[in-house]
Amino acid sequence: MWNHTRWAVAAAGVALLAALAAGCASAPAPMERAGLAAPPDQWTGAPTAGEADAVPAGWLADFDAPGLSDLVTEALSANPDLAASSARLAAARAQARIAGAPRLPAMELGLAGARTKRAPSGVSATSARPVTNYTLDAQVAWEADLWGRLGDAARAAAADARASEADLNGARLALAAGVARAWFALAEAQQQDLLAERTVRSFERTRDVIESRYRSGVATALELRLARENAATARANLAQRERERDAAARSLEILLGRYPAAELAAAPRLPDVARAVPAGLPSSLLTRRPDLVAAALRLDAADSRVSATRKERLPSLRLTTSGGTASDRLKNLLDWDYLVWSLVGDLTQPLFAGGRISGEVALAKARDREALADYAGTALTAFREVETALAAEDRYTRQAAALEVAASESAQAADLALERYGQGLVDIVTLLESQRRAFTAESARLRTARERLDNRLDLYLALGGDFSSPAELAARTEPGDAAP
């Protein structure tokens, strides 16, 4: 009778394990579970074949910016936010080790000594003598993971640790891009500052000419006041540009882990984008994006926790063994003649827990749905960011080219207006307006050049790196290297 019962229980356990394994093996991919259509093989905003150069080898090299790599390296080693992310990864890895510990036997070794004074039965207490007892014992406890509950918990913690690692990779990439963005902002602020200084000098020369003409009775008071207003506005704009340059320098210094003293020198010019987006950019590049990787891993962790909490309802088997020696003499503790031991098997089946287990299952399922929704949101955001940045590439190129022409033409128009004003061929309004247009066009050209650089950074962030595939990136990155 006992043999039949034992084999029936074993067969039921094998069938349950097989069913669980089959359920795990047939689990759909996160994109499918989230109800998202797979992205096209190539991004719709990417250029078609023949419109771009070969695939670049690294995104920092895509900018003609000497010194940028050194700044990124400094930030990666000194930025406090990145150090905090690194500490969170270490904590997650420690938590994974803690979660995996219950799968292994737990061992304890104890040594105790006690001294008591007790009189034997029927003997006066005054004749009692103190007695010393020593105990040396060891205990080993182990829970058999019959249904894989402990394994599920360990896998969930391991997935969380890998998600934290993806978060750290994302933080590194974001910091590198942030340093580049701040470097470009400082370079633009410096150029805008220099432009404002040139504009002040130009407008003040015009004011001085008109004041001279006014004293000679050639210019009117209205012309003089308009010229003074133009020069004063230029002075105010210069103060604003100086303030922006100061703030840009301090922001970059904070990213580098330096004291924000506004002492960092700006690049002499805004860099160019050295390479265009390659033709036929594959959508598979998105699989390395750190936040999407982290969201998928957290979804895996949530799935494992649902499985683990469901198995709380199943029986658990714990084995405990203990052994040791006891004697009134310390030297006898290592004598096997004094050895005593025990082996205990404990099979328990939860029957009633006040709704705790069902509540934990409901909580795990809710967090699993949350993780799935987070993954879907992250994926949709990734699709939007990539497509938007790709589509903007061509538009920024055309805008920058048009502004180059506008800045050149407006500068020549301002020179011509000043010359003709001296000849009495144009009025003061035409002169001042042409000068303002020249300043505005050049300022817009600088701003668009910086925005174009920022858009390329947005593209690298959206793709999780440069235009190389994960296989190409792994082939050129040595183990242990960390490339932004």
Protein backbone atom coordinates (compact mmCIF):
# COMPACT_ATOMS: atom_id res chain seq x y z
CA MET A 1 0.00 0.00 0.00
CA TRP A 2 2.81 2.35 0.93
CA ASN A 3 4.71 1.68 -2.29
CA HIS A 4 1.67 2.46 -4.43
CA THR A 5 1.03 5.70 -2.58
CA ARG A 6 4.66 6.77 -2.83
CA TRP A 7 4.80 6.11 -6.58
CA ALA A 8 1.52 7.96 -7.11
CA VAL A 9 2.83 11.03 -5.31
CA ALA A 10 6.08 10.89 -7.29
CA ALA A 11 4.22 10.56 -10.59
CA ALA A 12 2.02 13.54 -9.72
CA GLY A 13 5.10 15.60 -8.89
CA VAL A 14 6.79 14.70 -12.16
CA ALA A 15 3.66 15.60 -14.11
CA LEU A 16 3.41 18.96 -12.34
CA LEU A 17 7.05 19.76 -13.00
CA ALA A 18 6.64 18.85 -16.67
CA ALA A 19 3.60 21.10 -16.93
CA LEU A 20 5.48 23.98 -15.33
CA ALA A 21 8.45 23.48 -17.65
CA ALA A 22 6.18 23.38 -20.68
CA GLY A 23 4.51 26.61 -19.56
CA CYS A 24 7.89 28.33 -19.23
CA ALA A 25 9.12 27.04 -22.59
CA SER A 26 6.06 28.29 -24.45
CA ALA A 27 6.01 31.74 -22.86
CA PRO A 28 5.67 34.38 -25.62
CA ALA A 29 8.27 37.08 -26.18
CA PRO A 30 7.81 40.37 -24.26
CA MET A 31 6.94 42.29 -27.43
CA GLU A 32 4.21 39.79 -28.26
CA ARG A 33 2.92 39.70 -24.68
CA ALA A 34 2.70 43.49 -24.65
CA GLY A 35 0.50 43.40 -27.75
CA LEU A 36 2.99 45.40 -29.82
CA ALA A 37 3.58 44.82 -33.48
CA ALA A 38 7.19 44.04 -34.33
CA PRO A 39 9.04 47.06 -35.76
CA PRO A 40 9.93 47.02 -39.43
CA ASP A 41 13.26 45.49 -40.38
CA GLN A 42 14.55 48.99 -41.13
CA TRP A 43 13.53 52.29 -39.57
CA THR A 44 11.16 54.33 -41.69
CA GLY A 45 13.08 57.54 -40.98
CA ALA A 46 16.47 56.15 -41.99
CA PRO A 47 17.95 57.05 -45.37
CA THR A 48 17.62 54.55 -48.19
CA ALA A 49 20.55 52.86 -49.92
CA GLY A 50 22.90 55.29 -51.63
CA GLU A 51 22.08 58.25 -49.37
CA ALA A 52 24.67 57.69 -46.62
CA ASP A 53 28.22 56.64 -45.91
CA ALA A 54 29.49 53.38 -44.43
CA VAL A 55 28.64 52.40 -40.87
CA PRO A 56 30.66 54.46 -38.35
CA ALA A 57 32.81 52.69 -35.78
CA GLY A 58 31.87 54.69 -32.64
CA TRP A 59 29.62 57.58 -31.80
CA LEU A 60 32.20 59.76 -30.05
CA ALA A 61 34.31 59.59 -33.21
CA ASP A 62 31.36 60.94 -35.21
CA PHE A 63 32.01 64.40 -33.78
CA ASP A 64 35.04 66.43 -34.75
CA ALA A 65 35.50 67.48 -31.13
CA PRO A 66 39.08 67.22 -29.77
CA GLY A 67 39.07 66.75 -26.03
CA LEU A 68 35.54 65.36 -25.80
CA SER A 69 36.68 61.79 -25.19
CA ASP A 70 38.87 62.94 -22.30
CA LEU A 71 35.94 64.75 -20.71
CA VAL A 72 33.70 61.70 -21.06
CA THR A 73 36.38 59.51 -19.46
CA GLU A 74 36.69 61.95 -16.58
CA ALA A 75 32.94 62.01 -16.03
CA LEU A 76 32.66 58.21 -16.07
CA SER A 77 35.22 57.99 -13.28
CA ALA A 78 34.11 60.94 -11.12
CA ASN A 79 30.39 61.59 -11.61
CA PRO A 80 28.54 61.01 -8.29
CA ASP A 81 25.25 59.96 -9.91
CA LEU A 82 27.07 57.23 -11.82
CA ALA A 83 28.74 56.11 -8.60
CA ALA A 84 25.28 55.80 -7.03
CA SER A 85 24.11 53.67 -9.95
CA SER A 86 27.16 51.46 -9.53
CA ALA A 87 26.34 51.02 -5.83
CA ARG A 88 22.76 50.05 -6.71
CA LEU A 89 24.12 47.36 -9.02
CA ALA A 90 26.34 46.01 -6.24
CA ALA A 91 23.32 45.93 -3.93
CA ALA A 92 21.23 44.07 -6.52
CA ARG A 93 23.98 41.48 -7.01
CA ALA A 94 24.21 41.00 -3.25
CA GLN A 95 20.45 40.56 -3.11
CA ALA A 96 20.70 37.90 -5.82
CA ARG A 97 23.23 36.00 -3.72
CA ILE A 98 20.92 36.26 -0.71
CA ALA A 99 17.97 34.98 -2.74
CA GLY A 100 19.97 31.99 -3.96
CA ALA A 101 21.21 31.02 -0.49
CA PRO A 102 18.11 28.99 0.59
CA ARG A 103 18.79 26.47 -2.20
CA LEU A 104 21.96 25.36 -0.40
CA PRO A 105 22.27 23.69 3.02
CA ALA A 106 22.68 25.99 6.02
CA MET A 107 25.30 24.90 8.54
CA GLU A 108 25.93 26.10 12.09
CA LEU A 109 28.57 25.17 14.63
CA GLY A 110 28.16 25.97 18.28
CA LEU A 111 30.28 25.71 21.41
CA ALA A 112 28.67 26.29 24.82
CA GLY A 113 29.71 26.02 28.43
CA ALA A 114 27.57 26.13 31.56
CA ARG A 115 28.40 26.01 35.25
CA THR A 116 25.64 25.04 37.70
CA LYS A 117 25.32 24.27 41.39
CA ARG A 118 22.70 21.66 42.15
CA ALA A 119 22.31 19.18 44.99
CA PRO A 120 21.34 15.56 44.19
CA SER A 121 17.92 14.37 45.33
CA GLY A 122 17.81 13.70 49.10
CA VAL A 123 21.03 15.59 49.77
CA SER A 124 21.24 18.87 51.65
CA ALA A 125 21.80 21.95 49.48
CA THR A 126 24.75 22.92 51.65
CA SER A 127 26.65 19.92 50.33
CA ALA A 128 25.98 20.73 46.62
CA ARG A 129 28.98 21.28 44.41
CA PRO A 130 29.25 23.33 41.21
CA VAL A 131 29.32 21.32 37.97
CA THR A 132 30.65 22.49 34.58
CA ASN A 133 29.21 21.12 31.31
CA TYR A 134 30.53 21.73 27.81
CA THR A 135 28.66 21.18 24.54
CA LEU A 136 29.96 21.13 20.96
CA ASP A 137 27.30 20.68 18.29
CA ALA A 138 26.73 21.21 14.57
CA GLN A 139 23.45 21.60 12.71
CA VAL A 140 22.68 21.27 9.02
CA ALA A 141 19.31 22.32 7.58
CA TRP A 142 18.21 22.05 3.97
CA GLU A 143 14.93 22.54 2.13
CA ALA A 144 14.47 20.34 -0.91
CA ASP A 145 13.29 22.51 -3.82
CA LEU A 146 10.71 19.96 -4.96
CA TRP A 147 8.66 22.31 -7.09
CA GLY A 148 11.26 24.89 -8.07
CA ARG A 149 9.93 27.65 -5.77
CA LEU A 150 13.36 28.54 -4.44
CA GLY A 151 14.77 28.39 -7.95
CA ASP A 152 12.09 30.83 -9.14
CA ALA A 153 12.97 33.26 -6.35
CA ALA A 154 16.65 32.99 -7.19
CA ARG A 155 15.99 33.56 -10.91
CA ALA A 156 13.87 36.61 -10.11
CA ALA A 157 16.64 38.15 -8.03
CA ALA A 158 19.23 37.32 -10.71
CA ALA A 159 17.04 39.00 -13.35
CA ASP A 160 16.75 42.07 -11.11
CA ALA A 161 20.54 42.16 -10.82
CA ARG A 162 20.95 41.98 -14.60
CA ALA A 163 18.33 44.73 -14.94
CA SER A 164 20.38 46.88 -12.57
CA GLU A 165 23.41 46.19 -14.73
CA ALA A 166 21.44 47.38 -17.77
CA ASP A 167 20.44 50.47 -15.78
CA LEU A 168 24.11 51.17 -15.09
CA ASN A 169 24.95 50.77 -18.78
CA GLY A 170 22.13 53.17 -19.58
CA ALA A 171 23.42 55.63 -16.99
CA ARG A 172 26.90 55.44 -18.51
CA LEU A 173 25.53 56.10 -21.99
CA ALA A 174 23.32 58.93 -20.75
CA LEU A 175 26.22 60.50 -18.86
CA ALA A 176 28.50 60.32 -21.90
CA ALA A 177 25.80 61.91 -24.05
CA GLY A 178 25.12 64.47 -21.31
CA VAL A 179 28.77 65.49 -21.24
CA ALA A 180 28.79 65.83 -25.02
CA ARG A 181 25.54 67.82 -24.92
CA ALA A 182 26.90 70.15 -22.23
CA TRP A 183 30.18 70.50 -24.15
CA PHE A 184 28.27 71.51 -27.27
CA ALA A 185 26.07 73.90 -25.26
CA LEU A 186 29.18 75.55 -23.81
CA ALA A 187 30.71 75.87 -27.27
CA GLU A 188 27.53 77.46 -28.62
CA ALA A 189 27.27 79.78 -25.60
CA GLN A 190 30.85 80.89 -26.21
CA GLN A 191 30.13 81.58 -29.89
CA GLN A 192 26.91 83.42 -29.01
CA ASP A 193 28.87 85.47 -26.48
CA LEU A 194 31.48 86.41 -29.09
CA LEU A 195 28.72 87.25 -31.56
CA ALA A 196 27.05 89.49 -28.96
CA GLU A 197 30.36 91.30 -28.35
CA ARG A 198 30.81 91.90 -32.09
CA THR A 199 27.24 93.11 -32.30
CA VAL A 200 27.75 95.57 -29.43
CA ARG A 201 30.84 96.99 -31.11
CA SER A 202 29.03 97.26 -34.45
CA PHE A 203 25.94 98.93 -32.99
CA GLU A 204 28.02 101.33 -30.90
CA ARG A 205 30.02 102.36 -33.96
CA THR A 206 26.75 103.05 -35.72
CA ARG A 207 25.54 105.06 -32.71
CA ASP A 208 28.77 107.09 -32.68
CA VAL A 209 28.41 107.87 -36.38
CA ILE A 210 24.85 109.04 -35.92
CA GLU A 211 25.78 111.14 -32.86
CA SER A 212 28.44 112.83 -34.98
CA ARG A 213 25.94 113.43 -37.74
CA TYR A 214 23.43 114.72 -35.15
CA ARG A 215 25.93 117.25 -33.80
CA SER A 216 26.57 118.32 -37.36
CA GLY A 217 22.86 118.82 -37.89
CA VAL A 218 22.60 116.04 -40.48
CA ALA A 219 20.86 113.35 -38.38
CA THR A 220 17.65 113.87 -36.46
CA ALA A 221 16.98 113.26 -32.76
CA LEU A 222 14.79 110.29 -33.69
CA GLU A 223 17.67 108.66 -35.56
CA LEU A 224 19.97 109.20 -32.58
CA ARG A 225 17.51 107.70 -30.10
CA LEU A 226 16.92 104.65 -32.32
CA ALA A 227 20.68 104.11 -32.59
CA ARG A 228 21.10 104.44 -28.82
CA GLU A 229 18.27 101.95 -28.27
CA ASN A 230 19.91 99.50 -30.66
CA ALA A 231 23.24 99.75 -28.79
CA ALA A 232 21.59 99.39 -25.38
CA THR A 233 19.63 96.32 -26.51
CA ALA A 234 22.86 94.80 -27.79
CA ARG A 235 24.46 95.42 -24.38
CA ALA A 236 21.55 93.69 -22.64
CA ASN A 237 21.84 90.74 -25.00
CA LEU A 238 25.57 90.50 -24.26
CA ALA A 239 24.86 90.28 -20.53
CA GLN A 240 22.35 87.50 -21.22
CA ARG A 241 24.87 85.57 -23.35
CA GLU A 242 27.52 85.92 -20.64
CA ARG A 243 25.06 84.54 -18.11
CA GLU A 244 24.24 81.58 -20.37
CA ARG A 245 27.91 80.82 -20.93
CA ASP A 246 28.57 80.88 -17.21
CA ALA A 247 25.68 78.50 -16.51
CA ALA A 248 26.78 76.14 -19.31
CA ALA A 249 30.32 75.92 -17.91
CA ARG A 250 29.10 75.19 -14.39
CA SER A 251 26.67 72.53 -15.62
CA LEU A 252 29.43 70.73 -17.49
CA GLU A 253 31.75 70.89 -14.47
CA ILE A 254 29.08 69.25 -12.29
CA LEU A 255 28.81 66.36 -14.77
CA LEU A 256 32.58 65.96 -14.60
CA GLY A 257 32.47 65.76 -10.82
CA ARG A 258 34.31 69.07 -10.47
CA TYR A 259 33.46 72.07 -8.33
CA PRO A 260 31.25 74.40 -10.45
CA ALA A 261 33.70 77.29 -10.70
CA ALA A 262 32.90 78.22 -14.33
CA GLU A 263 36.59 77.89 -15.17
CA LEU A 264 36.27 75.31 -17.94
CA ALA A 265 37.38 76.67 -21.30
CA ALA A 266 34.98 76.22 -24.19
CA ALA A 267 35.83 74.68 -27.54
CA PRO A 268 36.89 77.27 -30.10
CA ARG A 269 34.01 76.28 -32.38
CA LEU A 270 31.03 73.98 -32.65
CA PRO A 271 32.10 70.61 -34.07
CA ASP A 272 30.69 69.05 -37.21
CA VAL A 273 28.96 65.69 -37.51
CA ALA A 274 31.61 63.69 -39.32
CA ARG A 275 29.40 60.92 -40.71
CA ALA A 276 25.86 60.56 -41.92
CA VAL A 277 23.33 57.97 -40.80
CA PRO A 278 24.07 54.74 -42.71
CA ALA A 279 21.61 53.47 -45.25
CA GLY A 280 19.27 50.64 -44.26
CA LEU A 281 19.75 51.07 -40.51
CA PRO A 282 18.34 47.84 -38.98
CA SER A 283 15.69 47.99 -36.26
CA SER A 284 17.48 45.14 -34.46
CA LEU A 285 19.86 47.73 -32.99
CA LEU A 286 17.11 48.54 -30.51
CA THR A 287 17.63 45.19 -28.74
CA ARG A 288 20.74 46.58 -27.00
CA ARG A 289 18.99 49.72 -25.68
CA PRO A 290 19.63 49.59 -21.91
CA ASP A 291 16.20 50.68 -20.65
CA LEU A 292 14.45 48.18 -22.95
CA VAL A 293 16.82 45.42 -21.81
CA ALA A 294 16.15 46.34 -18.18
CA ALA A 295 12.37 46.38 -18.71
CA ALA A 296 12.47 42.91 -20.30
CA LEU A 297 14.56 41.55 -17.42
CA ARG A 298 12.21 43.02 -14.83
CA LEU A 299 9.34 41.38 -16.65
CA ASP A 300 11.21 38.06 -16.42
CA ALA A 301 11.72 38.67 -12.70
CA ALA A 302 8.01 39.39 -12.20
CA ASP A 303 7.09 36.19 -14.07
CA SER A 304 9.40 34.16 -11.83
CA ARG A 305 7.88 35.71 -8.70
CA VAL A 306 4.37 34.81 -9.85
CA SER A 307 5.53 31.22 -10.28
CA ALA A 308 7.24 31.21 -6.88
CA THR A 309 4.23 32.56 -5.00
CA ARG A 310 1.89 30.06 -6.64
CA LYS A 311 4.13 27.24 -5.40
CA GLU A 312 3.74 28.44 -1.81
CA ARG A 313 0.58 26.31 -1.74
CA LEU A 314 2.55 23.10 -2.43
CA PRO A 315 4.13 20.88 0.24
CA SER A 316 7.66 21.65 1.37
CA LEU A 317 10.25 19.18 2.60
CA ARG A 318 12.90 20.25 5.10
CA LEU A 319 15.68 18.06 6.38
CA THR A 320 17.52 18.90 9.59
CA THR A 321 20.41 17.02 11.09
CA SER A 322 22.37 17.81 14.20
CA GLY A 323 25.23 16.17 16.00
CA GLY A 324 27.62 16.97 18.78
CA THR A 325 29.25 16.03 22.03
CA ALA A 326 28.62 16.95 25.66
CA SER A 327 30.86 16.41 28.66
CA ASP A 328 31.92 17.94 31.94
CA ARG A 329 35.45 18.02 30.63
CA LEU A 330 36.50 20.24 27.76
CA LYS A 331 38.98 17.69 26.36
CA ASN A 332 36.19 15.13 25.86
CA LEU A 333 34.33 17.31 23.32
CA LEU A 334 36.46 15.85 20.50
CA ASP A 335 36.01 12.27 21.71
CA TRP A 336 33.66 10.34 19.37
CA ASP A 337 32.51 8.22 22.32
CA TYR A 338 30.50 11.23 23.49
CA LEU A 339 28.89 11.83 20.08
CA VAL A 340 25.12 12.13 19.76
CA TRP A 341 23.22 12.96 16.56
CA SER A 342 19.75 13.23 15.08
CA LEU A 343 18.14 13.43 11.61
CA VAL A 344 14.69 14.97 11.19
CA GLY A 345 12.56 15.17 8.07
CA ASP A 346 9.75 17.73 8.02
CA LEU A 347 7.05 17.61 5.31
CA THR A 348 4.53 20.43 5.62
CA GLN A 349 1.48 21.39 3.60
CA PRO A 350 -0.09 24.84 4.03
CA LEU A 351 -3.79 24.51 4.84
CA PHE A 352 -4.90 27.91 6.09
CA ALA A 353 -2.87 31.14 6.22
CA GLY A 354 -5.58 33.73 6.59
CA GLY A 355 -5.45 34.65 2.90
CA ARG A 356 -1.73 35.48 3.00
CA ILE A 357 -0.74 33.15 0.16
CA SER A 358 -3.62 34.16 -2.10
CA GLY A 359 -2.81 37.80 -1.37
CA GLU A 360 0.83 37.26 -2.27
CA VAL A 361 -0.20 35.58 -5.52
CA ALA A 362 -2.53 38.48 -6.35
CA LEU A 363 0.24 40.96 -5.53
CA ALA A 364 2.76 39.11 -7.71
CA LYS A 365 0.29 39.00 -10.62
CA ALA A 366 -0.44 42.71 -10.29
CA ARG A 367 3.27 43.53 -10.34
CA ASP A 368 3.70 41.24 -13.34
CA ARG A 369 1.03 43.21 -15.21
CA GLU A 370 2.76 46.42 -14.15
CA ALA A 371 6.08 45.14 -15.48
CA LEU A 372 4.43 44.16 -18.77
CA ALA A 373 2.85 47.61 -19.12
CA ASP A 374 6.20 49.26 -18.29
CA TYR A 375 7.87 47.18 -20.99
CA ALA A 376 5.22 48.18 -23.53
CA GLY A 377 5.61 51.86 -22.62
CA THR A 378 9.40 51.67 -22.82
CA ALA A 379 9.25 49.95 -26.21
CA LEU A 380 6.82 52.51 -27.66
CA THR A 381 8.96 55.35 -26.33
CA ALA A 382 12.02 53.77 -27.92
CA PHE A 383 10.27 53.45 -31.30
CA ARG A 384 9.16 57.10 -31.17
CA GLU A 385 12.56 58.43 -30.15
CA VAL A 386 14.41 56.55 -32.87
CA GLU A 387 11.99 57.48 -35.64
CA THR A 388 11.82 61.12 -34.52
CA ALA A 389 15.59 61.51 -34.37
CA LEU A 390 16.07 59.80 -37.73
CA ALA A 391 13.43 61.95 -39.40
CA ALA A 392 14.96 65.11 -37.93
CA GLU A 393 18.44 64.35 -39.31
CA ASP A 394 17.63 65.40 -42.87
CA ARG A 395 15.52 68.36 -41.74
CA TYR A 396 18.30 69.73 -39.57
CA THR A 397 20.75 69.36 -42.45
CA ARG A 398 18.51 71.35 -44.80
CA GLN A 399 17.77 73.94 -42.10
CA ALA A 400 21.46 74.43 -41.34
CA ALA A 401 22.27 74.89 -45.03
CA ALA A 402 19.52 77.49 -45.42
CA LEU A 403 20.68 79.40 -42.36
CA GLU A 404 24.24 79.47 -43.68
CA VAL A 405 22.93 81.32 -46.73
CA ALA A 406 20.71 83.59 -44.60
CA ALA A 407 23.59 84.54 -42.28
CA SER A 408 25.91 85.33 -45.20
CA GLU A 409 23.35 87.37 -47.09
CA SER A 410 22.19 89.32 -44.04
CA ALA A 411 25.78 90.20 -43.08
CA GLN A 412 26.44 91.55 -46.57
CA ALA A 413 23.13 93.41 -46.49
CA ALA A 414 24.08 95.08 -43.20
CA ASP A 415 27.42 96.24 -44.63
CA LEU A 416 25.65 97.57 -47.74
CA ALA A 417 23.02 99.36 -45.65
CA LEU A 418 25.70 101.09 -43.56
CA GLU A 419 27.48 102.22 -46.69
CA ARG A 420 24.31 103.56 -48.30
CA TYR A 421 23.19 105.23 -45.09
CA GLY A 422 26.42 107.22 -45.14
CA GLN A 423 25.57 108.22 -48.72
CA GLY A 424 22.06 109.24 -47.68
CA LEU A 425 20.45 106.55 -49.82
CA VAL A 426 18.64 104.64 -47.02
CA ASP A 427 17.06 105.77 -43.78
CA ILE A 428 18.08 104.84 -40.24
CA VAL A 429 15.30 102.30 -39.84
CA THR A 430 16.60 100.30 -42.81
CA LEU A 431 20.12 100.40 -41.42
CA LEU A 432 19.20 99.29 -37.90
CA GLU A 433 16.84 96.61 -39.16
CA SER A 434 19.49 95.17 -41.48
CA GLN A 435 21.97 95.04 -38.59
CA ARG A 436 19.46 93.28 -36.34
CA ARG A 437 18.66 90.80 -39.09
CA ALA A 438 22.34 89.98 -39.51
CA PHE A 439 22.70 89.33 -35.79
CA THR A 440 19.51 87.25 -35.62
CA ALA A 441 20.47 85.11 -38.62
CA GLU A 442 23.95 84.35 -37.28
CA SER A 443 22.54 83.56 -33.83
CA ALA A 444 19.97 81.21 -35.38
CA ARG A 445 22.71 79.51 -37.40
CA LEU A 446 24.70 78.80 -34.24
CA ARG A 447 21.64 77.57 -32.38
CA THR A 448 20.62 75.22 -35.19
CA ALA A 449 24.14 73.84 -35.49
CA ARG A 450 24.04 72.94 -31.80
CA GLU A 451 20.52 71.49 -32.08
CA ARG A 452 21.69 69.32 -34.95
CA LEU A 453 24.44 67.92 -32.72
CA ASP A 454 21.92 67.35 -29.93
CA ASN A 455 19.66 65.47 -32.31
CA ARG A 456 22.49 63.13 -33.23
CA LEU A 457 23.05 62.53 -29.52
CA ASP A 458 19.33 61.81 -29.16
CA LEU A 459 19.65 59.22 -31.91
CA TYR A 460 22.57 57.47 -30.20
CA LEU A 461 20.64 57.43 -26.93
CA ALA A 462 17.53 56.10 -28.65
CA LEU A 463 19.51 53.30 -30.31
CA GLY A 464 21.49 52.50 -27.18
CA GLY A 465 24.82 53.24 -28.89
CA ASP A 466 26.27 53.88 -32.32
CA PHE A 467 25.17 52.41 -35.64
CA SER A 468 27.07 49.16 -35.23
CA SER A 469 25.14 45.94 -34.58
CA PRO A 470 25.56 44.18 -31.21
CA ALA A 471 27.76 41.54 -32.90
CA GLU A 472 30.01 44.20 -34.45
CA LEU A 473 30.22 46.05 -31.14
CA ALA A 474 31.19 42.87 -29.27
CA ALA A 475 33.81 42.03 -31.90
CA ARG A 476 35.65 45.31 -31.43
CA THR A 477 35.21 45.60 -27.64
CA GLU A 478 37.58 43.61 -25.48
CA PRO A 479 36.16 41.82 -22.42
CA GLY A 480 36.00 44.20 -19.49
CA ASP A 481 36.01 47.29 -21.69
CA ALA A 482 33.18 49.75 -21.23
CA ALA A 483 32.38 51.92 -24.21
CA PRO A 484 29.72 54.63 -24.11
